[in-house]
Amino acid sequence: MHTARTPISRPLTRRSALVGSAGLMGLGLAACSDNASTGGADTGETITLGYVPSWTDGLSTAYLLDNRLQAMGYNVEHQEISEPAALYAALAKGDIDVYPSAWPEVTHKEYMEKYGEDIDDLATYYGSAVLTIAVPDYTDITSIADLKGNADMFGGKIIGIEPGAGLTGVTQDSMMPTYELEGEYELVTSSTTAMLSELKKATEAETDIVVTLWRPFWANSAFPVRDLEDPEGAMGDKEGLHFLARTGFGDDFADAAEFIGGIKLDDKQYNSLEDLVVNEFGDGKEAEAIDKWLEENPDVLPEVEEG
């Protein structure tokens, strides 16, 4: 069990970085202090949120929690982490307090099996997440099964995201062998940003491309794409998006844990949150995006006792 710790007093750091698997506690924690500010009534208690910044579900919910936790009087620190394995390890070791949008049921099941004894599940805030394989809506293919024998349409490539992502593992280890695509297609991995760049170029030129995607994700409405049917169920079942915390978080921050555990978002609420954070306001203006979302959704979140 993770023993209770005394939170340290430090400024909110919006863009810290935890990269790969080298550094502090073997996880590479490198903090920086740009855009630093402090929470509401400074209690000297800090809650650290960790997430993969290119996965915009975690980015969006992190800033939502940031706003409300500051209103409760906490200082909030952000740690950006490049790979999910390092993220789960950091959570289990107590290097971060909360992972604000985890996929522990299917996509990240292997990480929960490895680290779950030292992780507390605070709540499922969204219940219909799904992994997908997608093509532009003008591409003459409707099913993953149709990819077989048509590699020339896509240059023999499926454009993926981070190598360590659960989506990458499902695509490589389940979808491709199930539909007999190994040897015909190469799964190209790099980053979510790189995948979206390739998708943008292809759809602007109206050329064919096949990518790994997921729902909920703003890119599904920003680009003219459609999910391919998955008759074999190789991409897995729908799952929930969870707020995960280090063991003992609820003992150390009972009011914060209770608040976080009461958050529930439906498709409309979630999609508007992510669209505001990622598209309408963008990088560096996340706090403004959250302010607008709260104005437009005044009764969605549980009440907080402001510090």
C-alpha atoms as a PDB file:
ATOM      1  CA  MET A   1       0.000   0.000   0.000  1.00  0.00           C
ATOM      2  CA  HIS A   2       1.119   3.560  -0.681  1.00  0.00           C
ATOM      3  CA  THR A   3       1.615   5.356   2.594  1.00  0.00           C
ATOM      4  CA  ALA A   4       0.205   8.841   3.108  1.00  0.00           C
ATOM      5  CA  ARG A   5       2.564  11.655   2.191  1.00  0.00           C
ATOM      6  CA  THR A   6       2.703  15.309   3.075  1.00  0.00           C
ATOM      7  CA  PRO A   7       2.083  17.298  -0.129  1.00  0.00           C
ATOM      8  CA  ILE A   8       4.767  19.847  -0.855  1.00  0.00           C
ATOM      9  CA  SER A   9       4.120  23.505  -1.563  1.00  0.00           C
ATOM     10  CA  ARG A  10       5.151  24.497  -5.085  1.00  0.00           C
ATOM     11  CA  PRO A  11       3.760  26.471  -7.999  1.00  0.00           C
ATOM     12  CA  LEU A  12       1.499  24.996 -10.610  1.00  0.00           C
ATOM     13  CA  THR A  13       3.619  23.940 -13.576  1.00  0.00           C
ATOM     14  CA  ARG A  14       1.538  23.634 -16.708  1.00  0.00           C
ATOM     15  CA  ARG A  15       4.159  22.086 -18.962  1.00  0.00           C
ATOM     16  CA  SER A  16       6.440  19.731 -17.071  1.00  0.00           C
ATOM     17  CA  ALA A  17       7.705  16.657 -18.885  1.00  0.00           C
ATOM     18  CA  LEU A  18       8.129  12.994 -18.018  1.00  0.00           C
ATOM     19  CA  VAL A  19       9.738  11.432 -21.040  1.00  0.00           C
ATOM     20  CA  GLY A  20      10.313   7.778 -21.807  1.00  0.00           C
ATOM     21  CA  SER A  21      11.891   5.645 -19.111  1.00  0.00           C
ATOM     22  CA  ALA A  22      15.070   7.386 -17.968  1.00  0.00           C
ATOM     23  CA  GLY A  23      15.572   9.801 -15.081  1.00  0.00           C
ATOM     24  CA  LEU A  24      13.850  10.309 -11.757  1.00  0.00           C
ATOM     25  CA  MET A  25      12.779   6.988 -10.242  1.00  0.00           C
ATOM     26  CA  GLY A  26      13.848   5.472 -13.568  1.00  0.00           C
ATOM     27  CA  LEU A  27      11.122   7.436 -15.331  1.00  0.00           C
ATOM     28  CA  GLY A  28      12.768  10.628 -16.576  1.00  0.00           C
ATOM     29  CA  LEU A  29      11.016  13.436 -14.702  1.00  0.00           C
ATOM     30  CA  ALA A  30      12.173  16.814 -16.006  1.00  0.00           C
ATOM     31  CA  ALA A  31      10.230  19.753 -14.632  1.00  0.00           C
ATOM     32  CA  CYS A  32      10.069  23.204 -16.147  1.00  0.00           C
ATOM     33  CA  SER A  33       8.246  26.279 -14.948  1.00  0.00           C
ATOM     34  CA  ASP A  34       6.831  28.156 -17.927  1.00  0.00           C
ATOM     35  CA  ASN A  35       3.306  29.508 -17.459  1.00  0.00           C
ATOM     36  CA  ALA A  36       3.586  28.903 -13.709  1.00  0.00           C
ATOM     37  CA  SER A  37       0.897  30.081 -11.329  1.00  0.00           C
ATOM     38  CA  THR A  38      -0.576  28.960  -8.040  1.00  0.00           C
ATOM     39  CA  GLY A  39      -3.938  27.502  -7.160  1.00  0.00           C
ATOM     40  CA  GLY A  40      -6.812  29.271  -5.441  1.00  0.00           C
ATOM     41  CA  ALA A  41      -6.362  29.659  -1.688  1.00  0.00           C
ATOM     42  CA  ASP A  42      -2.853  28.268  -1.298  1.00  0.00           C
ATOM     43  CA  THR A  43      -3.119  25.450   1.229  1.00  0.00           C
ATOM     44  CA  GLY A  44       0.404  24.232   0.491  1.00  0.00           C
ATOM     45  CA  GLU A  45      -1.082  21.002  -0.865  1.00  0.00           C
ATOM     46  CA  THR A  46      -0.251  19.990  -4.422  1.00  0.00           C
ATOM     47  CA  ILE A  47      -2.020  17.464  -6.627  1.00  0.00           C
ATOM     48  CA  THR A  48      -0.026  16.269  -9.630  1.00  0.00           C
ATOM     49  CA  LEU A  49      -1.837  15.244 -12.819  1.00  0.00           C
ATOM     50  CA  GLY A  50      -0.005  13.026 -15.308  1.00  0.00           C
ATOM     51  CA  TYR A  51      -1.005  12.320 -18.910  1.00  0.00           C
ATOM     52  CA  VAL A  52       0.237  11.810 -22.476  1.00  0.00           C
ATOM     53  CA  PRO A  53      -0.278  15.311 -23.936  1.00  0.00           C
ATOM     54  CA  SER A  54      -0.954  14.183 -27.503  1.00  0.00           C
ATOM     55  CA  TRP A  55      -3.856  12.070 -26.214  1.00  0.00           C
ATOM     56  CA  THR A  56      -6.315  14.877 -25.953  1.00  0.00           C
ATOM     57  CA  ASP A  57      -8.851  13.116 -23.754  1.00  0.00           C
ATOM     58  CA  GLY A  58      -6.296  13.220 -20.928  1.00  0.00           C
ATOM     59  CA  LEU A  59      -5.198  16.741 -21.815  1.00  0.00           C
ATOM     60  CA  SER A  60      -8.774  18.037 -21.772  1.00  0.00           C
ATOM     61  CA  THR A  61      -9.823  16.346 -18.537  1.00  0.00           C
ATOM     62  CA  ALA A  62      -6.551  17.361 -16.855  1.00  0.00           C
ATOM     63  CA  TYR A  63      -7.329  21.034 -17.378  1.00  0.00           C
ATOM     64  CA  LEU A  64     -10.916  20.477 -16.288  1.00  0.00           C
ATOM     65  CA  LEU A  65      -9.663  18.962 -13.012  1.00  0.00           C
ATOM     66  CA  ASP A  66      -7.028  21.711 -12.760  1.00  0.00           C
ATOM     67  CA  ASN A  67      -9.722  24.380 -12.755  1.00  0.00           C
ATOM     68  CA  ARG A  68     -11.925  22.716 -10.154  1.00  0.00           C
ATOM     69  CA  LEU A  69      -9.098  21.563  -7.872  1.00  0.00           C
ATOM     70  CA  GLN A  70      -7.682  25.082  -7.814  1.00  0.00           C
ATOM     71  CA  ALA A  71     -11.156  26.335  -6.879  1.00  0.00           C
ATOM     72  CA  MET A  72     -11.027  23.913  -3.948  1.00  0.00           C
ATOM     73  CA  GLY A  73      -7.780  25.511  -2.798  1.00  0.00           C
ATOM     74  CA  TYR A  74      -5.215  23.055  -4.128  1.00  0.00           C
ATOM     75  CA  ASN A  75      -2.094  23.780  -6.104  1.00  0.00           C
ATOM     76  CA  VAL A  76      -2.002  21.711  -9.292  1.00  0.00           C
ATOM     77  CA  GLU A  77       1.002  20.466 -11.201  1.00  0.00           C
ATOM     78  CA  HIS A  78       0.987  18.890 -14.664  1.00  0.00           C
ATOM     79  CA  GLN A  79       3.461  16.199 -15.719  1.00  0.00           C
ATOM     80  CA  GLU A  80       3.510  15.325 -19.416  1.00  0.00           C
ATOM     81  CA  ILE A  81       4.548  11.723 -20.044  1.00  0.00           C
ATOM     82  CA  SER A  82       5.486  10.332 -23.423  1.00  0.00           C
ATOM     83  CA  GLU A  83       4.458   6.685 -23.074  1.00  0.00           C
ATOM     84  CA  PRO A  84       1.628   4.903 -21.236  1.00  0.00           C
ATOM     85  CA  ALA A  85       3.942   2.354 -19.591  1.00  0.00           C
ATOM     86  CA  ALA A  86       5.880   5.180 -17.924  1.00  0.00           C
ATOM     87  CA  LEU A  87       2.610   6.868 -16.981  1.00  0.00           C
ATOM     88  CA  TYR A  88       1.234   3.812 -15.177  1.00  0.00           C
ATOM     89  CA  ALA A  89       4.600   3.201 -13.513  1.00  0.00           C
ATOM     90  CA  ALA A  90       4.713   6.806 -12.273  1.00  0.00           C
ATOM     91  CA  LEU A  91       1.188   6.512 -10.901  1.00  0.00           C
ATOM     92  CA  ALA A  92       1.946   3.234  -9.139  1.00  0.00           C
ATOM     93  CA  LYS A  93       5.110   4.676  -7.566  1.00  0.00           C
ATOM     94  CA  GLY A  94       3.323   7.817  -6.410  1.00  0.00           C
ATOM     95  CA  ASP A  95       5.338  10.169  -8.626  1.00  0.00           C
ATOM     96  CA  ILE A  96       2.007  11.532  -9.872  1.00  0.00           C
ATOM     97  CA  ASP A  97      -1.331  11.583  -8.080  1.00  0.00           C
ATOM     98  CA  VAL A  98      -3.946  11.240 -10.827  1.00  0.00           C
ATOM     99  CA  TYR A  99      -4.130   9.987 -14.406  1.00  0.00           C
ATOM    100  CA  PRO A 100      -7.210  11.895 -15.593  1.00  0.00           C
ATOM    101  CA  SER A 101      -8.295   9.747 -18.552  1.00  0.00           C
ATOM    102  CA  ALA A 102      -7.190   6.120 -18.451  1.00  0.00           C
ATOM    103  CA  TRP A 103      -8.328   3.179 -20.600  1.00  0.00           C
ATOM    104  CA  PRO A 104      -7.741   0.359 -18.095  1.00  0.00           C
ATOM    105  CA  GLU A 105     -10.428  -2.124 -19.139  1.00  0.00           C
ATOM    106  CA  VAL A 106      -9.154  -3.155 -22.583  1.00  0.00           C
ATOM    107  CA  THR A 107      -6.630  -0.802 -24.177  1.00  0.00           C
ATOM    108  CA  HIS A 108      -4.332  -0.519 -21.134  1.00  0.00           C
ATOM    109  CA  LYS A 109      -5.279  -3.822 -19.535  1.00  0.00           C
ATOM    110  CA  GLU A 110      -1.678  -5.059 -19.577  1.00  0.00           C
ATOM    111  CA  TYR A 111      -0.518  -2.029 -17.594  1.00  0.00           C
ATOM    112  CA  MET A 112      -3.258  -2.478 -15.029  1.00  0.00           C
ATOM    113  CA  GLU A 113      -2.294  -6.124 -14.652  1.00  0.00           C
ATOM    114  CA  LYS A 114       1.279  -5.022 -13.955  1.00  0.00           C
ATOM    115  CA  TYR A 115       0.697  -1.954 -11.791  1.00  0.00           C
ATOM    116  CA  GLY A 116      -2.925  -2.174 -10.654  1.00  0.00           C
ATOM    117  CA  GLU A 117      -2.196  -3.228  -7.077  1.00  0.00           C
ATOM    118  CA  ASP A 118      -0.749   0.243  -6.474  1.00  0.00           C
ATOM    119  CA  ILE A 119      -3.467   2.147  -8.348  1.00  0.00           C
ATOM    120  CA  ASP A 120      -6.924   3.201  -7.164  1.00  0.00           C
ATOM    121  CA  ASP A 121      -9.836   3.543  -9.604  1.00  0.00           C
ATOM    122  CA  LEU A 122     -11.718   6.715  -8.636  1.00  0.00           C
ATOM    123  CA  ALA A 123     -14.473   6.552 -11.246  1.00  0.00           C
ATOM    124  CA  THR A 124     -15.548   5.873 -14.819  1.00  0.00           C
ATOM    125  CA  TYR A 125     -16.378   9.290 -16.245  1.00  0.00           C
ATOM    126  CA  TYR A 126     -17.297   8.174 -19.793  1.00  0.00           C
ATOM    127  CA  GLY A 127     -18.615   4.751 -20.741  1.00  0.00           C
ATOM    128  CA  SER A 128     -18.451   4.258 -24.512  1.00  0.00           C
ATOM    129  CA  ALA A 129     -14.825   4.538 -25.619  1.00  0.00           C
ATOM    130  CA  VAL A 130     -13.762   2.379 -28.575  1.00  0.00           C
ATOM    131  CA  LEU A 131     -10.674   1.761 -30.715  1.00  0.00           C
ATOM    132  CA  THR A 132     -11.126   2.050 -34.470  1.00  0.00           C
ATOM    133  CA  ILE A 133      -9.508   1.691 -37.870  1.00  0.00           C
ATOM    134  CA  ALA A 134     -10.596   4.541 -40.129  1.00  0.00           C
ATOM    135  CA  VAL A 135     -10.360   5.761 -43.713  1.00  0.00           C
ATOM    136  CA  PRO A 136     -11.499   8.965 -45.434  1.00  0.00           C
ATOM    137  CA  ASP A 137     -15.198   9.008 -46.226  1.00  0.00           C
ATOM    138  CA  TYR A 138     -14.395   9.103 -49.962  1.00  0.00           C
ATOM    139  CA  THR A 139     -12.383   5.847 -49.819  1.00  0.00           C
ATOM    140  CA  ASP A 140     -14.204   2.923 -51.438  1.00  0.00           C
ATOM    141  CA  ILE A 141     -13.809   0.512 -48.504  1.00  0.00           C
ATOM    142  CA  THR A 142     -16.270  -0.021 -45.666  1.00  0.00           C
ATOM    143  CA  SER A 143     -14.840  -2.916 -43.616  1.00  0.00           C
ATOM    144  CA  ILE A 144     -11.466  -3.861 -42.159  1.00  0.00           C
ATOM    145  CA  ALA A 145     -11.919  -7.107 -44.054  1.00  0.00           C
ATOM    146  CA  ASP A 146     -11.794  -5.097 -47.295  1.00  0.00           C
ATOM    147  CA  LEU A 147      -8.218  -4.051 -46.595  1.00  0.00           C
ATOM    148  CA  LYS A 148      -6.956  -7.510 -47.547  1.00  0.00           C
ATOM    149  CA  GLY A 149      -5.840  -7.485 -51.162  1.00  0.00           C
ATOM    150  CA  ASN A 150      -6.035  -3.694 -51.429  1.00  0.00           C
ATOM    151  CA  ALA A 151      -2.682  -2.665 -49.951  1.00  0.00           C
ATOM    152  CA  ASP A 152      -1.782  -0.783 -53.135  1.00  0.00           C
ATOM    153  CA  MET A 153      -4.523   1.749 -52.379  1.00  0.00           C
ATOM    154  CA  PHE A 154      -2.715   2.720 -49.182  1.00  0.00           C
ATOM    155  CA  GLY A 155       0.929   2.237 -50.129  1.00  0.00           C
ATOM    156  CA  GLY A 156       0.976  -0.893 -47.995  1.00  0.00           C
ATOM    157  CA  LYS A 157       0.842   1.180 -44.789  1.00  0.00           C
ATOM    158  CA  ILE A 158      -1.479   1.601 -41.830  1.00  0.00           C
ATOM    159  CA  ILE A 159      -0.598   4.865 -40.126  1.00  0.00           C
ATOM    160  CA  GLY A 160      -0.530   4.432 -36.358  1.00  0.00           C
ATOM    161  CA  ILE A 161       0.395   6.388 -33.239  1.00  0.00           C
ATOM    162  CA  GLU A 162       2.903   5.823 -30.403  1.00  0.00           C
ATOM    163  CA  PRO A 163       4.630   2.394 -30.387  1.00  0.00           C
ATOM    164  CA  GLY A 164       3.707   1.811 -26.734  1.00  0.00           C
ATOM    165  CA  ALA A 165       0.038   2.774 -27.090  1.00  0.00           C
ATOM    166  CA  GLY A 166      -2.604   0.163 -26.323  1.00  0.00           C
ATOM    167  CA  LEU A 167      -4.182   0.980 -29.692  1.00  0.00           C
ATOM    168  CA  THR A 168      -0.920   0.042 -31.380  1.00  0.00           C
ATOM    169  CA  GLY A 169      -0.795  -3.282 -29.565  1.00  0.00           C
ATOM    170  CA  VAL A 170      -4.396  -4.144 -30.450  1.00  0.00           C
ATOM    171  CA  THR A 171      -3.836  -3.217 -34.095  1.00  0.00           C
ATOM    172  CA  GLN A 172      -0.601  -5.190 -34.366  1.00  0.00           C
ATOM    173  CA  ASP A 173      -1.420  -8.208 -32.231  1.00  0.00           C
ATOM    174  CA  SER A 174      -5.149  -8.643 -32.840  1.00  0.00           C
ATOM    175  CA  MET A 175      -6.516  -6.779 -35.856  1.00  0.00           C
ATOM    176  CA  MET A 176      -3.754  -7.468 -38.381  1.00  0.00           C
ATOM    177  CA  PRO A 177      -3.466 -11.224 -37.780  1.00  0.00           C
ATOM    178  CA  THR A 178      -7.251 -11.628 -37.507  1.00  0.00           C
ATOM    179  CA  TYR A 179      -7.766 -10.079 -40.940  1.00  0.00           C
ATOM    180  CA  GLU A 180      -4.589 -11.638 -42.410  1.00  0.00           C
ATOM    181  CA  LEU A 181      -2.940  -8.298 -43.136  1.00  0.00           C
ATOM    182  CA  GLU A 182       0.538  -9.192 -41.877  1.00  0.00           C
ATOM    183  CA  GLY A 183       3.066  -9.144 -44.697  1.00  0.00           C
ATOM    184  CA  GLU A 184       0.725  -7.069 -46.848  1.00  0.00           C
ATOM    185  CA  TYR A 185       0.687  -3.965 -44.629  1.00  0.00           C
ATOM    186  CA  GLU A 186       3.240  -2.241 -42.422  1.00  0.00           C
ATOM    187  CA  LEU A 187       1.964  -0.604 -39.246  1.00  0.00           C
ATOM    188  CA  VAL A 188       3.815   2.724 -39.167  1.00  0.00           C
ATOM    189  CA  THR A 189       4.207   4.056 -35.622  1.00  0.00           C
ATOM    190  CA  SER A 190       5.587   7.363 -34.395  1.00  0.00           C
ATOM    191  CA  SER A 191       3.171   9.691 -32.586  1.00  0.00           C
ATOM    192  CA  THR A 192      -0.436  10.833 -32.548  1.00  0.00           C
ATOM    193  CA  THR A 193       0.693  14.205 -33.892  1.00  0.00           C
ATOM    194  CA  ALA A 194       2.471  12.572 -36.825  1.00  0.00           C
ATOM    195  CA  MET A 195      -0.550  10.390 -37.610  1.00  0.00           C
ATOM    196  CA  LEU A 196      -2.837  13.413 -37.641  1.00  0.00           C
ATOM    197  CA  SER A 197      -0.413  15.265 -39.897  1.00  0.00           C
ATOM    198  CA  GLU A 198      -0.515  12.399 -42.407  1.00  0.00           C
ATOM    199  CA  LEU A 199      -4.307  12.249 -42.160  1.00  0.00           C
ATOM    200  CA  LYS A 200      -4.567  16.000 -42.766  1.00  0.00           C
ATOM    201  CA  LYS A 201      -2.318  15.854 -45.841  1.00  0.00           C
ATOM    202  CA  ALA A 202      -4.185  12.886 -47.304  1.00  0.00           C
ATOM    203  CA  THR A 203      -7.677  14.289 -46.806  1.00  0.00           C
ATOM    204  CA  GLU A 204      -6.699  17.695 -48.175  1.00  0.00           C
ATOM    205  CA  ALA A 205      -5.353  15.964 -51.299  1.00  0.00           C
ATOM    206  CA  GLU A 206      -8.249  13.460 -51.308  1.00  0.00           C
ATOM    207  CA  THR A 207      -5.879  10.509 -51.406  1.00  0.00           C
ATOM    208  CA  ASP A 208      -6.522   7.193 -49.662  1.00  0.00           C
ATOM    209  CA  ILE A 209      -5.113   6.524 -46.214  1.00  0.00           C
ATOM    210  CA  VAL A 210      -5.896   4.100 -43.398  1.00  0.00           C
ATOM    211  CA  VAL A 211      -5.200   5.155 -39.795  1.00  0.00           C
ATOM    212  CA  THR A 212      -5.657   3.953 -36.250  1.00  0.00           C
ATOM    213  CA  LEU A 213      -8.166   6.116 -34.364  1.00  0.00           C
ATOM    214  CA  TRP A 214     -10.468   5.993 -31.355  1.00  0.00           C
ATOM    215  CA  ARG A 215     -13.646   7.471 -29.976  1.00  0.00           C
ATOM    216  CA  PRO A 216     -14.146   9.856 -28.314  1.00  0.00           C
ATOM    217  CA  PHE A 217     -11.576  11.956 -30.184  1.00  0.00           C
ATOM    218  CA  TRP A 218     -11.951  15.373 -31.804  1.00  0.00           C
ATOM    219  CA  ALA A 219     -10.302  14.192 -35.047  1.00  0.00           C
ATOM    220  CA  ASN A 220     -13.398  12.163 -35.939  1.00  0.00           C
ATOM    221  CA  SER A 221     -15.336  15.377 -36.512  1.00  0.00           C
ATOM    222  CA  ALA A 222     -12.428  17.536 -37.688  1.00  0.00           C
ATOM    223  CA  PHE A 223     -11.533  15.257 -40.619  1.00  0.00           C
ATOM    224  CA  PRO A 224     -13.785  13.560 -43.207  1.00  0.00           C
ATOM    225  CA  VAL A 225     -13.258  10.035 -41.867  1.00  0.00           C
ATOM    226  CA  ARG A 226     -15.393   7.002 -41.113  1.00  0.00           C
ATOM    227  CA  ASP A 227     -14.756   3.935 -39.011  1.00  0.00           C
ATOM    228  CA  LEU A 228     -14.323   0.677 -40.852  1.00  0.00           C
ATOM    229  CA  GLU A 229     -16.668  -2.090 -39.783  1.00  0.00           C
ATOM    230  CA  ASP A 230     -14.998  -4.727 -37.617  1.00  0.00           C
ATOM    231  CA  PRO A 231     -17.032  -7.919 -38.175  1.00  0.00           C
ATOM    232  CA  GLU A 232     -14.539 -10.065 -36.239  1.00  0.00           C
ATOM    233  CA  GLY A 233     -14.430  -7.724 -33.245  1.00  0.00           C
ATOM    234  CA  ALA A 234     -10.632  -7.583 -33.457  1.00  0.00           C
ATOM    235  CA  MET A 235     -10.388  -4.020 -32.149  1.00  0.00           C
ATOM    236  CA  GLY A 236     -12.079  -4.979 -28.881  1.00  0.00           C
ATOM    237  CA  ASP A 237     -15.257  -4.036 -27.073  1.00  0.00           C
ATOM    238  CA  LYS A 238     -16.340  -0.614 -25.882  1.00  0.00           C
ATOM    239  CA  GLU A 239     -14.782   0.410 -22.608  1.00  0.00           C
ATOM    240  CA  GLY A 240     -14.905   3.159 -20.026  1.00  0.00           C
ATOM    241  CA  LEU A 241     -12.579   6.111 -19.532  1.00  0.00           C
ATOM    242  CA  HIS A 242     -11.463   6.251 -15.906  1.00  0.00           C
ATOM    243  CA  PHE A 243      -9.913   8.599 -13.399  1.00  0.00           C
ATOM    244  CA  LEU A 244      -7.082   6.614 -11.805  1.00  0.00           C
ATOM    245  CA  ALA A 245      -5.096   7.664  -8.739  1.00  0.00           C
ATOM    246  CA  ARG A 246      -2.110   6.435  -6.777  1.00  0.00           C
ATOM    247  CA  THR A 247      -2.977   4.229  -3.836  1.00  0.00           C
ATOM    248  CA  GLY A 248      -3.742   6.392  -0.815  1.00  0.00           C
ATOM    249  CA  PHE A 249      -4.869   9.431  -2.787  1.00  0.00           C
ATOM    250  CA  GLY A 250      -8.365   9.219  -1.332  1.00  0.00           C
ATOM    251  CA  ASP A 251      -6.965   9.193   2.191  1.00  0.00           C
ATOM    252  CA  ASP A 252      -4.706  12.187   1.556  1.00  0.00           C
ATOM    253  CA  PHE A 253      -7.216  14.237  -0.458  1.00  0.00           C
ATOM    254  CA  ALA A 254     -10.660  12.948   0.487  1.00  0.00           C
ATOM    255  CA  ASP A 255     -12.598  15.946  -0.831  1.00  0.00           C
ATOM    256  CA  ALA A 256     -10.750  15.918  -4.152  1.00  0.00           C
ATOM    257  CA  ALA A 257     -11.259  12.168  -4.565  1.00  0.00           C
ATOM    258  CA  GLU A 258     -14.975  12.509  -3.820  1.00  0.00           C
ATOM    259  CA  PHE A 259     -15.343  15.330  -6.337  1.00  0.00           C
ATOM    260  CA  ILE A 260     -13.427  13.509  -9.080  1.00  0.00           C
ATOM    261  CA  GLY A 261     -15.384  10.328  -8.436  1.00  0.00           C
ATOM    262  CA  GLY A 262     -18.652  12.171  -9.062  1.00  0.00           C
ATOM    263  CA  ILE A 263     -17.823  13.386 -12.582  1.00  0.00           C
ATOM    264  CA  LYS A 264     -19.859  11.820 -15.429  1.00  0.00           C
ATOM    265  CA  LEU A 265     -19.783  13.081 -19.022  1.00  0.00           C
ATOM    266  CA  ASP A 266     -21.957  12.051 -21.960  1.00  0.00           C
ATOM    267  CA  ASP A 267     -20.964  12.292 -25.627  1.00  0.00           C
ATOM    268  CA  LYS A 268     -22.192  15.859 -26.105  1.00  0.00           C
ATOM    269  CA  GLN A 269     -20.509  17.124 -22.941  1.00  0.00           C
ATOM    270  CA  TYR A 270     -17.235  15.341 -23.624  1.00  0.00           C
ATOM    271  CA  ASN A 271     -17.063  16.318 -27.295  1.00  0.00           C
ATOM    272  CA  SER A 272     -17.665  19.986 -26.506  1.00  0.00           C
ATOM    273  CA  LEU A 273     -14.950  19.899 -23.828  1.00  0.00           C
ATOM    274  CA  GLU A 274     -12.319  18.427 -26.131  1.00  0.00           C
ATOM    275  CA  ASP A 275     -13.302  20.634 -29.069  1.00  0.00           C
ATOM    276  CA  LEU A 276     -12.908  23.788 -26.975  1.00  0.00           C
ATOM    277  CA  VAL A 277      -9.566  22.746 -25.467  1.00  0.00           C
ATOM    278  CA  VAL A 278      -7.976  21.399 -28.645  1.00  0.00           C
ATOM    279  CA  ASN A 279      -9.544  23.286 -31.522  1.00  0.00           C
ATOM    280  CA  GLU A 280     -11.339  26.490 -30.543  1.00  0.00           C
ATOM    281  CA  PHE A 281      -8.726  27.732 -28.057  1.00  0.00           C
ATOM    282  CA  GLY A 282      -5.665  25.531 -28.575  1.00  0.00           C
ATOM    283  CA  ASP A 283      -2.259  25.251 -26.962  1.00  0.00           C
ATOM    284  CA  GLY A 284      -1.583  27.740 -24.202  1.00  0.00           C
ATOM    285  CA  LYS A 285      -5.240  28.728 -23.823  1.00  0.00           C
ATOM    286  CA  GLU A 286      -6.552  25.612 -22.123  1.00  0.00           C
ATOM    287  CA  ALA A 287      -7.648  27.520 -19.018  1.00  0.00           C
ATOM    288  CA  GLU A 288      -9.771  29.864 -21.138  1.00  0.00           C
ATOM    289  CA  ALA A 289     -11.334  26.873 -22.873  1.00  0.00           C
ATOM    290  CA  ILE A 290     -12.307  25.358 -19.528  1.00  0.00           C
ATOM    291  CA  ASP A 291     -13.826  28.632 -18.350  1.00  0.00           C
ATOM    292  CA  LYS A 292     -16.022  28.714 -21.444  1.00  0.00           C
ATOM    293  CA  TRP A 293     -16.993  25.056 -21.088  1.00  0.00           C
ATOM    294  CA  LEU A 294     -18.025  25.600 -17.471  1.00  0.00           C
ATOM    295  CA  GLU A 295     -20.122  28.598 -18.517  1.00  0.00           C
ATOM    296  CA  GLU A 296     -21.857  26.478 -21.155  1.00  0.00           C
ATOM    297  CA  ASN A 297     -22.253  23.448 -18.852  1.00  0.00           C
ATOM    298  CA  PRO A 298     -22.964  24.948 -15.424  1.00  0.00           C
ATOM    299  CA  ASP A 299     -24.782  21.941 -13.959  1.00  0.00           C
ATOM    300  CA  VAL A 300     -22.673  19.029 -15.266  1.00  0.00           C
ATOM    301  CA  LEU A 301     -20.015  18.740 -12.572  1.00  0.00           C
ATOM    302  CA  PRO A 302     -20.525  18.070  -8.871  1.00  0.00           C
ATOM    303  CA  GLU A 303     -20.521  21.119  -6.603  1.00  0.00           C
ATOM    304  CA  VAL A 304     -17.209  22.034  -4.997  1.00  0.00           C
ATOM    305  CA  GLU A 305     -16.573  23.897  -1.792  1.00  0.00           C
ATOM    306  CA  GLU A 306     -14.259  26.648  -2.940  1.00  0.00           C
ATOM    307  CA  GLY A 307     -11.093  27.282  -0.957  1.00  0.00           C
END
